[in-house]
PDB file of all heavy atoms in Angstrom:
ATOM      1  N   PRO A   1      85.279  36.390 -78.984  1.00  0.00           N
ATOM      2  CA  PRO A   1      85.355  37.128 -80.206  1.00  0.00           C
ATOM      3  C   PRO A   1      85.898  36.213 -81.330  1.00  0.00           C
ATOM      4  O   PRO A   1      86.834  35.426 -81.053  1.00  0.00           O
ATOM      5  CB  PRO A   1      86.258  38.224 -79.892  1.00  0.00           C
ATOM      6  CG  PRO A   1      86.220  38.514 -78.468  1.00  0.00           C
ATOM      7  CD  PRO A   1      86.190  36.991 -77.871  1.00  0.00           C
ATOM      8  N   MET A   2      85.366  36.325 -82.504  1.00  0.00           N
ATOM      9  CA  MET A   2      85.873  35.744 -83.716  1.00  0.00           C
ATOM     10  C   MET A   2      86.897  36.718 -84.353  1.00  0.00           C
ATOM     11  O   MET A   2      86.508  37.556 -85.156  1.00  0.00           O
ATOM     12  CB  MET A   2      84.846  35.347 -84.733  1.00  0.00           C
ATOM     13  CG  MET A   2      84.130  33.987 -84.495  1.00  0.00           C
ATOM     14  SD  MET A   2      82.671  33.869 -85.678  1.00  0.00           S
ATOM     15  CE  MET A   2      83.487  33.871 -87.305  1.00  0.00           C
ATOM     16  N   GLY A   3      88.162  36.586 -84.005  1.00  0.00           N
ATOM     17  CA  GLY A   3      89.128  37.598 -84.451  1.00  0.00           C
ATOM     18  C   GLY A   3      89.279  38.643 -83.374  1.00  0.00           C
ATOM     19  O   GLY A   3      88.746  38.547 -82.248  1.00  0.00           O
ATOM     20  N   ALA A   4      89.919  39.827 -83.694  1.00  0.00           N
ATOM     21  CA  ALA A   4      90.140  40.840 -82.768  1.00  0.00           C
ATOM     22  C   ALA A   4      88.998  41.601 -82.376  1.00  0.00           C
ATOM     23  O   ALA A   4      87.980  41.873 -83.159  1.00  0.00           O
ATOM     24  CB  ALA A   4      91.225  41.875 -83.337  1.00  0.00           C
ATOM     25  N   SER A   5      88.997  42.017 -81.118  1.00  0.00           N
ATOM     26  CA  SER A   5      87.923  42.996 -80.585  1.00  0.00           C
ATOM     27  C   SER A   5      88.719  44.251 -80.205  1.00  0.00           C
ATOM     28  O   SER A   5      89.885  44.375 -80.491  1.00  0.00           O
ATOM     29  CB  SER A   5      87.179  42.460 -79.454  1.00  0.00           C
ATOM     30  OG  SER A   5      88.065  42.206 -78.315  1.00  0.00           O
ATOM     31  N   ASP A   6      88.124  45.049 -79.327  1.00  0.00           N
ATOM     32  CA  ASP A   6      88.913  46.235 -78.749  1.00  0.00           C
ATOM     33  C   ASP A   6      89.943  45.654 -77.790  1.00  0.00           C
ATOM     34  O   ASP A   6      91.016  46.323 -77.594  1.00  0.00           O
ATOM     35  CB  ASP A   6      87.994  47.276 -78.164  1.00  0.00           C
ATOM     36  CG  ASP A   6      86.720  46.723 -77.484  1.00  0.00           C
ATOM     37  OD1 ASP A   6      86.388  45.505 -77.719  1.00  0.00           O
ATOM     38  OD2 ASP A   6      86.034  47.426 -76.786  1.00  0.00           O
ATOM     39  N   TYR A   7      89.628  44.451 -77.138  1.00  0.00           N
ATOM     40  CA  TYR A   7      90.597  43.912 -76.087  1.00  0.00           C
ATOM     41  C   TYR A   7      91.408  42.841 -76.736  1.00  0.00           C
ATOM     42  O   TYR A   7      91.181  41.638 -76.589  1.00  0.00           O
ATOM     43  CB  TYR A   7      89.766  43.523 -74.879  1.00  0.00           C
ATOM     44  CG  TYR A   7      89.338  44.741 -74.082  1.00  0.00           C
ATOM     45  CD1 TYR A   7      88.158  45.403 -74.462  1.00  0.00           C
ATOM     46  CD2 TYR A   7      90.121  45.379 -73.241  1.00  0.00           C
ATOM     47  CE1 TYR A   7      87.819  46.555 -73.800  1.00  0.00           C
ATOM     48  CE2 TYR A   7      89.814  46.565 -72.561  1.00  0.00           C
ATOM     49  CZ  TYR A   7      88.632  47.191 -72.857  1.00  0.00           C
ATOM     50  OH  TYR A   7      88.289  48.393 -72.330  1.00  0.00           O
ATOM     51  N   ALA A   8      92.402  43.331 -77.607  1.00  0.00           N
ATOM     52  CA  ALA A   8      93.306  42.425 -78.295  1.00  0.00           C
ATOM     53  C   ALA A   8      94.635  43.226 -78.359  1.00  0.00           C
ATOM     54  O   ALA A   8      94.677  44.433 -78.401  1.00  0.00           O
ATOM     55  CB  ALA A   8      92.752  42.012 -79.675  1.00  0.00           C
ATOM     56  N   ARG A   9      95.723  42.411 -78.506  1.00  0.00           N
ATOM     57  CA  ARG A   9      97.036  42.965 -78.509  1.00  0.00           C
ATOM     58  C   ARG A   9      97.341  43.529 -79.998  1.00  0.00           C
ATOM     59  O   ARG A   9      98.158  44.475 -80.190  1.00  0.00           O
ATOM     60  CB  ARG A   9      98.111  42.038 -78.107  1.00  0.00           C
ATOM     61  CG  ARG A   9      98.015  41.695 -76.645  1.00  0.00           C
ATOM     62  CD  ARG A   9      98.786  40.356 -76.373  1.00  0.00           C
ATOM     63  NE  ARG A   9      98.098  39.248 -76.967  1.00  0.00           N
ATOM     64  CZ  ARG A   9      98.614  38.106 -77.244  1.00  0.00           C
ATOM     65  NH1 ARG A   9      99.889  37.795 -76.813  1.00  0.00           N
ATOM     66  NH2 ARG A   9      97.967  37.081 -77.739  1.00  0.00           N
ATOM     67  N   THR A  10      96.683  42.908 -81.041  1.00  0.00           N
ATOM     68  CA  THR A  10      96.829  43.318 -82.355  1.00  0.00           C
ATOM     69  C   THR A  10      95.520  43.283 -83.049  1.00  0.00           C
ATOM     70  O   THR A  10      94.591  42.618 -82.556  1.00  0.00           O
ATOM     71  CB  THR A  10      97.853  42.403 -83.138  1.00  0.00           C
ATOM     72  OG1 THR A  10      97.320  41.104 -83.076  1.00  0.00           O
ATOM     73  CG2 THR A  10      99.215  42.432 -82.582  1.00  0.00           C
ATOM     74  N   VAL A  11      95.380  43.786 -84.210  1.00  0.00           N
ATOM     75  CA  VAL A  11      94.135  43.666 -85.085  1.00  0.00           C
ATOM     76  C   VAL A  11      94.367  42.479 -86.021  1.00  0.00           C
ATOM     77  O   VAL A  11      95.371  42.438 -86.729  1.00  0.00           O
ATOM     78  CB  VAL A  11      93.879  45.034 -85.879  1.00  0.00           C
ATOM     79  CG1 VAL A  11      92.769  44.834 -86.827  1.00  0.00           C
ATOM     80  CG2 VAL A  11      93.687  46.191 -84.972  1.00  0.00           C
ATOM     81  N   TYR A  12      93.504  41.473 -85.887  1.00  0.00           N
ATOM     82  CA  TYR A  12      93.710  40.240 -86.677  1.00  0.00           C
ATOM     83  C   TYR A  12      92.198  39.690 -86.960  1.00  0.00           C
ATOM     84  O   TYR A  12      91.351  39.845 -86.229  1.00  0.00           O
ATOM     85  CB  TYR A  12      94.488  39.245 -85.874  1.00  0.00           C
ATOM     86  CG  TYR A  12      93.827  38.750 -84.662  1.00  0.00           C
ATOM     87  CD1 TYR A  12      93.091  37.580 -84.636  1.00  0.00           C
ATOM     88  CD2 TYR A  12      93.991  39.509 -83.472  1.00  0.00           C
ATOM     89  CE1 TYR A  12      92.516  37.173 -83.480  1.00  0.00           C
ATOM     90  CE2 TYR A  12      93.339  39.034 -82.283  1.00  0.00           C
ATOM     91  CZ  TYR A  12      92.596  37.873 -82.287  1.00  0.00           C
ATOM     92  OH  TYR A  12      91.886  37.478 -81.153  1.00  0.00           O
ATOM     93  N   SER A  13      92.256  38.968 -88.040  1.00  0.00           N
ATOM     94  CA  SER A  13      91.038  38.067 -88.383  1.00  0.00           C
ATOM     95  C   SER A  13      91.596  36.651 -88.610  1.00  0.00           C
ATOM     96  O   SER A  13      92.774  36.435 -88.392  1.00  0.00           O
ATOM     97  CB  SER A  13      90.384  38.544 -89.552  1.00  0.00           C
ATOM     98  OG  SER A  13      91.100  38.248 -90.781  1.00  0.00           O
ATOM     99  N   TYR A  14      90.736  35.750 -89.112  1.00  0.00           N
ATOM    100  CA  TYR A  14      91.258  34.415 -89.411  1.00  0.00           C
ATOM    101  C   TYR A  14      91.691  34.362 -90.867  1.00  0.00           C
ATOM    102  O   TYR A  14      91.930  33.163 -91.385  1.00  0.00           O
ATOM    103  CB  TYR A  14      90.104  33.377 -89.114  1.00  0.00           C
ATOM    104  CG  TYR A  14      89.680  33.368 -87.696  1.00  0.00           C
ATOM    105  CD1 TYR A  14      88.341  33.071 -87.433  1.00  0.00           C
ATOM    106  CD2 TYR A  14      90.531  33.514 -86.569  1.00  0.00           C
ATOM    107  CE1 TYR A  14      87.945  33.037 -86.062  1.00  0.00           C
ATOM    108  CE2 TYR A  14      90.162  33.534 -85.297  1.00  0.00           C
ATOM    109  CZ  TYR A  14      88.834  33.271 -84.974  1.00  0.00           C
ATOM    110  OH  TYR A  14      88.364  33.212 -83.696  1.00  0.00           O
ATOM    111  N   ASN A  15      91.681  35.475 -91.551  1.00  0.00           N
ATOM    112  CA  ASN A  15      92.152  35.436 -92.960  1.00  0.00           C
ATOM    113  C   ASN A  15      92.711  36.790 -93.342  1.00  0.00           C
ATOM    114  O   ASN A  15      92.078  37.543 -94.115  1.00  0.00           O
ATOM    115  CB  ASN A  15      90.867  35.091 -93.847  1.00  0.00           C
ATOM    116  CG  ASN A  15      91.263  34.545 -95.241  1.00  0.00           C
ATOM    117  OD1 ASN A  15      92.145  35.168 -95.922  1.00  0.00           O
ATOM    118  ND2 ASN A  15      90.715  33.515 -95.740  1.00  0.00           N
ATOM    119  N   ASP A  16      93.754  37.099 -92.866  1.00  0.00           N
ATOM    120  CA  ASP A  16      94.344  38.415 -93.031  1.00  0.00           C
ATOM    121  C   ASP A  16      95.339  38.285 -94.289  1.00  0.00           C
ATOM    122  O   ASP A  16      96.070  37.413 -94.539  1.00  0.00           O
ATOM    123  CB  ASP A  16      95.326  38.873 -91.831  1.00  0.00           C
ATOM    124  CG  ASP A  16      94.445  39.152 -90.655  1.00  0.00           C
ATOM    125  OD1 ASP A  16      93.387  39.669 -90.793  1.00  0.00           O
ATOM    126  OD2 ASP A  16      94.825  38.828 -89.520  1.00  0.00           O
ATOM    127  N   LEU A  17      95.205  39.364 -95.145  1.00  0.00           N
ATOM    128  CA  LEU A  17      95.992  39.389 -96.383  1.00  0.00           C
ATOM    129  C   LEU A  17      96.687  40.695 -96.616  1.00  0.00           C
ATOM    130  O   LEU A  17      96.191  41.744 -96.020  1.00  0.00           O
ATOM    131  CB  LEU A  17      94.933  39.200 -97.626  1.00  0.00           C
ATOM    132  CG  LEU A  17      94.123  37.970 -97.614  1.00  0.00           C
ATOM    133  CD1 LEU A  17      93.069  38.024 -98.809  1.00  0.00           C
ATOM    134  CD2 LEU A  17      94.851  36.724 -97.686  1.00  0.00           C
ATOM    135  N   PRO A  18      97.707  40.750 -97.431  1.00  0.00           N
ATOM    136  CA  PRO A  18      98.342  42.012 -97.772  1.00  0.00           C
ATOM    137  C   PRO A  18      97.285  42.912 -98.522  1.00  0.00           C
ATOM    138  O   PRO A  18      96.456  42.400 -99.188  1.00  0.00           O
ATOM    139  CB  PRO A  18      99.451  41.657 -98.702  1.00  0.00           C
ATOM    140  CG  PRO A  18      99.725  40.165 -98.395  1.00  0.00           C
ATOM    141  CD  PRO A  18      98.398  39.605 -98.040  1.00  0.00           C
ATOM    142  N   GLU A  19      97.535  44.201 -98.436  1.00  0.00           N
ATOM    143  CA  GLU A  19      96.587  45.159 -98.942  1.00  0.00           C
ATOM    144  C   GLU A  19      96.391  44.890-100.528  1.00  0.00           C
ATOM    145  O   GLU A  19      97.389  44.634-101.233  1.00  0.00           O
ATOM    146  CB  GLU A  19      97.117  46.570 -98.776  1.00  0.00           C
ATOM    147  CG  GLU A  19      96.015  47.590 -98.885  1.00  0.00           C
ATOM    148  CD  GLU A  19      96.460  49.000 -98.526  1.00  0.00           C
ATOM    149  OE1 GLU A  19      97.321  49.091 -97.674  1.00  0.00           O
ATOM    150  OE2 GLU A  19      95.838  49.976 -98.974  1.00  0.00           O
ATOM    151  N   GLY A  20      95.222  44.918-100.988  1.00  0.00           N
ATOM    152  CA  GLY A  20      94.892  44.671-102.352  1.00  0.00           C
ATOM    153  C   GLY A  20      94.689  43.312-102.775  1.00  0.00           C
ATOM    154  O   GLY A  20      94.195  43.055-103.864  1.00  0.00           O
ATOM    155  N   GLU A  21      94.925  42.356-101.910  1.00  0.00           N
ATOM    156  CA  GLU A  21      94.670  40.898-102.202  1.00  0.00           C
ATOM    157  C   GLU A  21      93.296  40.484-101.692  1.00  0.00           C
ATOM    158  O   GLU A  21      92.798  40.996-100.728  1.00  0.00           O
ATOM    159  CB  GLU A  21      95.844  39.975-101.630  1.00  0.00           C
ATOM    160  CG  GLU A  21      97.140  40.168-102.334  1.00  0.00           C
ATOM    161  CD  GLU A  21      98.107  39.172-101.770  1.00  0.00           C
ATOM    162  OE1 GLU A  21      97.758  38.112-101.331  1.00  0.00           O
ATOM    163  OE2 GLU A  21      99.312  39.482-101.830  1.00  0.00           O
ATOM    164  N   THR A  22      92.816  39.469-102.318  1.00  0.00           N
ATOM    165  CA  THR A  22      91.517  38.875-101.904  1.00  0.00           C
ATOM    166  C   THR A  22      91.695  37.257-101.909  1.00  0.00           C
ATOM    167  O   THR A  22      92.608  36.774-102.623  1.00  0.00           O
ATOM    168  CB  THR A  22      90.301  39.225-102.753  1.00  0.00           C
ATOM    169  OG1 THR A  22      90.566  38.767-104.102  1.00  0.00           O
ATOM    170  CG2 THR A  22      90.055  40.700-102.831  1.00  0.00           C
ATOM    171  N   ASP A  23      90.836  36.613-101.151  1.00  0.00           N
ATOM    172  CA  ASP A  23      90.892  35.092-101.073  1.00  0.00           C
ATOM    173  C   ASP A  23      89.563  34.555-100.983  1.00  0.00           C
ATOM    174  O   ASP A  23      89.086  34.009 -99.988  1.00  0.00           O
ATOM    175  CB  ASP A  23      91.755  34.747 -99.802  1.00  0.00           C
ATOM    176  CG  ASP A  23      91.870  33.306 -99.617  1.00  0.00           C
ATOM    177  OD1 ASP A  23      91.638  32.517-100.653  1.00  0.00           O
ATOM    178  OD2 ASP A  23      92.254  32.873 -98.536  1.00  0.00           O
ATOM    179  N   PRO A  24      88.736  34.703-102.089  1.00  0.00           N
ATOM    180  CA  PRO A  24      87.307  34.157-102.037  1.00  0.00           C
ATOM    181  C   PRO A  24      87.176  32.741-101.730  1.00  0.00           C
ATOM    182  O   PRO A  24      86.105  32.288-101.260  1.00  0.00           O
ATOM    183  CB  PRO A  24      86.720  34.615-103.333  1.00  0.00           C
ATOM    184  CG  PRO A  24      87.969  34.884-104.281  1.00  0.00           C
ATOM    185  CD  PRO A  24      89.041  35.359-103.362  1.00  0.00           C
ATOM    186  N   ASP A  25      88.208  31.934-102.018  1.00  0.00           N
ATOM    187  CA  ASP A  25      88.058  30.500-101.640  1.00  0.00           C
ATOM    188  C   ASP A  25      88.559  30.222-100.216  1.00  0.00           C
ATOM    189  O   ASP A  25      88.632  28.998 -99.807  1.00  0.00           O
ATOM    190  CB  ASP A  25      88.904  29.639-102.680  1.00  0.00           C
ATOM    191  CG  ASP A  25      88.350  29.779-104.075  1.00  0.00           C
ATOM    192  OD1 ASP A  25      87.074  29.817-104.189  1.00  0.00           O
ATOM    193  OD2 ASP A  25      89.109  29.803-105.046  1.00  0.00           O
ATOM    194  N   LEU A  26      88.949  31.245 -99.515  1.00  0.00           N
ATOM    195  CA  LEU A  26      89.408  31.120 -98.127  1.00  0.00           C
ATOM    196  C   LEU A  26      90.610  30.114 -97.954  1.00  0.00           C
ATOM    197  O   LEU A  26      90.696  29.346 -97.004  1.00  0.00           O
ATOM    198  CB  LEU A  26      88.185  30.784 -97.119  1.00  0.00           C
ATOM    199  CG  LEU A  26      87.072  31.775 -97.077  1.00  0.00           C
ATOM    200  CD1 LEU A  26      86.009  31.294 -96.180  1.00  0.00           C
ATOM    201  CD2 LEU A  26      87.572  33.154 -96.751  1.00  0.00           C
ATOM    202  N   THR A  27      91.439  30.058 -98.950  1.00  0.00           N
ATOM    203  CA  THR A  27      92.557  29.098 -98.899  1.00  0.00           C
ATOM    204  C   THR A  27      93.596  29.329 -97.788  1.00  0.00           C
ATOM    205  O   THR A  27      94.265  28.546 -97.339  1.00  0.00           O
ATOM    206  CB  THR A  27      93.311  29.036-100.294  1.00  0.00           C
ATOM    207  OG1 THR A  27      93.713  30.314-100.568  1.00  0.00           O
ATOM    208  CG2 THR A  27      92.422  28.470-101.344  1.00  0.00           C
ATOM    209  N   ARG A  28      93.568  30.679 -97.429  1.00  0.00           N
ATOM    210  CA  ARG A  28      94.585  31.080 -96.300  1.00  0.00           C
ATOM    211  C   ARG A  28      93.904  31.238 -94.954  1.00  0.00           C
ATOM    212  O   ARG A  28      94.396  31.825 -93.997  1.00  0.00           O
ATOM    213  CB  ARG A  28      95.256  32.350 -96.729  1.00  0.00           C
ATOM    214  CG  ARG A  28      96.328  32.051 -97.800  1.00  0.00           C
ATOM    215  CD  ARG A  28      97.002  33.334 -98.331  1.00  0.00           C
ATOM    216  NE  ARG A  28      96.286  33.914 -99.398  1.00  0.00           N
ATOM    217  CZ  ARG A  28      96.708  34.985-100.112  1.00  0.00           C
ATOM    218  NH1 ARG A  28      97.730  35.655 -99.742  1.00  0.00           N
ATOM    219  NH2 ARG A  28      95.925  35.401-101.128  1.00  0.00           N
ATOM    220  N   PHE A  29      92.633  30.654 -94.792  1.00  0.00           N
ATOM    221  CA  PHE A  29      91.911  30.672 -93.580  1.00  0.00           C
ATOM    222  C   PHE A  29      92.686  29.897 -92.520  1.00  0.00           C
ATOM    223  O   PHE A  29      93.164  28.817 -92.721  1.00  0.00           O
ATOM    224  CB  PHE A  29      90.483  30.060 -93.732  1.00  0.00           C
ATOM    225  CG  PHE A  29      89.724  30.006 -92.490  1.00  0.00           C
ATOM    226  CD1 PHE A  29      88.907  31.047 -92.040  1.00  0.00           C
ATOM    227  CD2 PHE A  29      89.838  28.858 -91.707  1.00  0.00           C
ATOM    228  CE1 PHE A  29      88.218  30.930 -90.853  1.00  0.00           C
ATOM    229  CE2 PHE A  29      89.165  28.669 -90.464  1.00  0.00           C
ATOM    230  CZ  PHE A  29      88.330  29.772 -90.061  1.00  0.00           C
ATOM    231  N   SER A  30      92.778  30.440 -91.284  1.00  0.00           N
ATOM    232  CA  SER A  30      93.379  29.778 -90.227  1.00  0.00           C
ATOM    233  C   SER A  30      92.917  30.368 -88.881  1.00  0.00           C
ATOM    234  O   SER A  30      92.890  31.498 -88.669  1.00  0.00           O
ATOM    235  CB  SER A  30      94.954  29.883 -90.265  1.00  0.00           C
ATOM    236  OG  SER A  30      95.476  29.406 -89.120  1.00  0.00           O
ATOM    237  N   ILE A  31      92.749  29.443 -87.811  1.00  0.00           N
ATOM    238  CA  ILE A  31      92.471  29.997 -86.467  1.00  0.00           C
ATOM    239  C   ILE A  31      93.731  29.752 -85.573  1.00  0.00           C
ATOM    240  O   ILE A  31      93.623  29.656 -84.393  1.00  0.00           O
ATOM    241  CB  ILE A  31      91.298  29.227 -85.852  1.00  0.00           C
ATOM    242  CG1 ILE A  31      91.467  27.753 -85.716  1.00  0.00           C
ATOM    243  CG2 ILE A  31      89.983  29.529 -86.646  1.00  0.00           C
ATOM    244  CD1 ILE A  31      90.618  27.050 -84.675  1.00  0.00           C
ATOM    245  N   ALA A  32      94.841  29.724 -86.243  1.00  0.00           N
ATOM    246  CA  ALA A  32      96.150  29.531 -85.489  1.00  0.00           C
ATOM    247  C   ALA A  32      96.244  30.548 -84.386  1.00  0.00           C
ATOM    248  O   ALA A  32      96.768  30.159 -83.260  1.00  0.00           O
ATOM    249  CB  ALA A  32      97.364  29.647 -86.455  1.00  0.00           C
ATOM    250  N   HIS A  33      95.817  31.752 -84.503  1.00  0.00           N
ATOM    251  CA  HIS A  33      95.906  32.760 -83.351  1.00  0.00           C
ATOM    252  C   HIS A  33      95.232  32.226 -82.156  1.00  0.00           C
ATOM    253  O   HIS A  33      95.737  32.356 -80.991  1.00  0.00           O
ATOM    254  CB  HIS A  33      95.237  34.093 -83.836  1.00  0.00           C
ATOM    255  CG  HIS A  33      95.178  35.021 -82.683  1.00  0.00           C
ATOM    256  ND1 HIS A  33      94.166  35.034 -81.694  1.00  0.00           N
ATOM    257  CD2 HIS A  33      96.011  36.093 -82.317  1.00  0.00           C
ATOM    258  CE1 HIS A  33      94.517  35.897 -80.816  1.00  0.00           C
ATOM    259  NE2 HIS A  33      95.568  36.531 -81.132  1.00  0.00           N
ATOM    260  N   ASP A  34      93.993  31.692 -82.321  1.00  0.00           N
ATOM    261  CA  ASP A  34      93.275  31.188 -81.110  1.00  0.00           C
ATOM    262  C   ASP A  34      93.866  29.933 -80.475  1.00  0.00           C
ATOM    263  O   ASP A  34      93.635  29.651 -79.310  1.00  0.00           O
ATOM    264  CB  ASP A  34      91.793  30.887 -81.525  1.00  0.00           C
ATOM    265  CG  ASP A  34      90.990  32.219 -81.885  1.00  0.00           C
ATOM    266  OD1 ASP A  34      91.630  33.260 -81.887  1.00  0.00           O
ATOM    267  OD2 ASP A  34      89.823  32.034 -82.115  1.00  0.00           O
TER     268      ASP A  34
END
């Protein structure tokens, strides 16, 4: 899976942001979780 599926300990993607924020340039992109 690219990010969380149903079988994950938390809900996560490779670019999680605080509510209301966006990152169209993906400056905070990271696969650190994997």
